[in-house]
Amino acid sequence: MPRLLILLLTLPLSACIGPQLGADISVGPYGTYVSPSVSAGLEGGGVITYSPP
């Protein structure tokens, strides 16, 4: 099941140019926080970026 979910979530990125996975790491007084993100370029120009809340 998790493999199917990952495939369905990444399928739209196959139509994009240069998809990238990234993560920001913040260290603060309440501990370490990791914020994942996905970005990709579009053929017509522009960029799509998603970072979960």
C-alpha atoms as a PDB file:
ATOM      1  CA  MET A   1       0.000   0.000   0.000  1.00  0.00           C
ATOM      2  CA  PRO A   2       2.716   2.580   0.846  1.00  0.00           C
ATOM      3  CA  ARG A   3       4.452   1.914  -2.488  1.00  0.00           C
ATOM      4  CA  LEU A   4       1.232   2.585  -4.390  1.00  0.00           C
ATOM      5  CA  LEU A   5       0.675   5.804  -2.444  1.00  0.00           C
ATOM      6  CA  ILE A   6       4.216   7.010  -3.178  1.00  0.00           C
ATOM      7  CA  LEU A   7       3.774   6.179  -6.866  1.00  0.00           C
ATOM      8  CA  LEU A   8       0.491   8.099  -7.060  1.00  0.00           C
ATOM      9  CA  LEU A   9       1.982  11.127  -5.292  1.00  0.00           C
ATOM     10  CA  THR A  10       5.074  11.276  -7.517  1.00  0.00           C
ATOM     11  CA  LEU A  11       3.333  10.527 -10.838  1.00  0.00           C
ATOM     12  CA  PRO A  12       2.452  14.209 -11.558  1.00  0.00           C
ATOM     13  CA  LEU A  13       6.144  15.107 -11.148  1.00  0.00           C
ATOM     14  CA  SER A  14       7.052  12.913 -14.126  1.00  0.00           C
ATOM     15  CA  ALA A  15       5.541  15.557 -16.438  1.00  0.00           C
ATOM     16  CA  CYS A  16       7.669  18.312 -14.877  1.00  0.00           C
ATOM     17  CA  ILE A  17      11.204  19.418 -15.664  1.00  0.00           C
ATOM     18  CA  GLY A  18      13.816  18.773 -12.990  1.00  0.00           C
ATOM     19  CA  PRO A  19      11.740  17.671  -9.991  1.00  0.00           C
ATOM     20  CA  GLN A  20      13.607  18.193  -6.716  1.00  0.00           C
ATOM     21  CA  LEU A  21      13.051  16.913  -3.195  1.00  0.00           C
ATOM     22  CA  GLY A  22      14.399  19.017  -0.377  1.00  0.00           C
ATOM     23  CA  ALA A  23      14.241  19.562   3.361  1.00  0.00           C
ATOM     24  CA  ASP A  24      14.849  22.474   5.699  1.00  0.00           C
ATOM     25  CA  ILE A  25      16.163  21.700   9.170  1.00  0.00           C
ATOM     26  CA  SER A  26      15.628  24.181  11.987  1.00  0.00           C
ATOM     27  CA  VAL A  27      17.101  23.885  15.468  1.00  0.00           C
ATOM     28  CA  GLY A  28      15.481  25.966  18.171  1.00  0.00           C
ATOM     29  CA  PRO A  29      14.730  26.047  21.876  1.00  0.00           C
ATOM     30  CA  TYR A  30      11.954  23.425  21.469  1.00  0.00           C
ATOM     31  CA  GLY A  31      14.009  20.918  19.493  1.00  0.00           C
ATOM     32  CA  THR A  32      14.771  20.114  15.867  1.00  0.00           C
ATOM     33  CA  TYR A  33      12.170  20.614  13.148  1.00  0.00           C
ATOM     34  CA  VAL A  34      12.389  19.127   9.630  1.00  0.00           C
ATOM     35  CA  SER A  35      10.261  20.631   6.855  1.00  0.00           C
ATOM     36  CA  PRO A  36      10.182  18.590   3.605  1.00  0.00           C
ATOM     37  CA  SER A  37       9.448  20.196   0.234  1.00  0.00           C
ATOM     38  CA  VAL A  38       8.969  19.214  -3.408  1.00  0.00           C
ATOM     39  CA  SER A  39       9.540  21.585  -6.339  1.00  0.00           C
ATOM     40  CA  ALA A  40       9.529  21.204 -10.106  1.00  0.00           C
ATOM     41  CA  GLY A  41       9.746  23.387 -13.206  1.00  0.00           C
ATOM     42  CA  LEU A  42       7.000  23.494 -15.823  1.00  0.00           C
ATOM     43  CA  GLU A  43       7.611  23.239 -19.570  1.00  0.00           C
ATOM     44  CA  GLY A  44       5.827  26.538 -20.250  1.00  0.00           C
ATOM     45  CA  GLY A  45       7.854  28.297 -17.560  1.00  0.00           C
ATOM     46  CA  GLY A  46       7.227  28.693 -13.866  1.00  0.00           C
ATOM     47  CA  VAL A  47       7.769  26.532 -10.830  1.00  0.00           C
ATOM     48  CA  ILE A  48       5.479  24.403  -8.667  1.00  0.00           C
ATOM     49  CA  THR A  49       6.463  24.086  -5.008  1.00  0.00           C
ATOM     50  CA  TYR A  50       4.756  22.116  -2.245  1.00  0.00           C
ATOM     51  CA  SER A  51       5.670  22.109   1.416  1.00  0.00           C
ATOM     52  CA  PRO A  52       3.251  20.460   3.858  1.00  0.00           C
ATOM     53  CA  PRO A  53       1.962  22.641   6.708  1.00  0.00           C
END
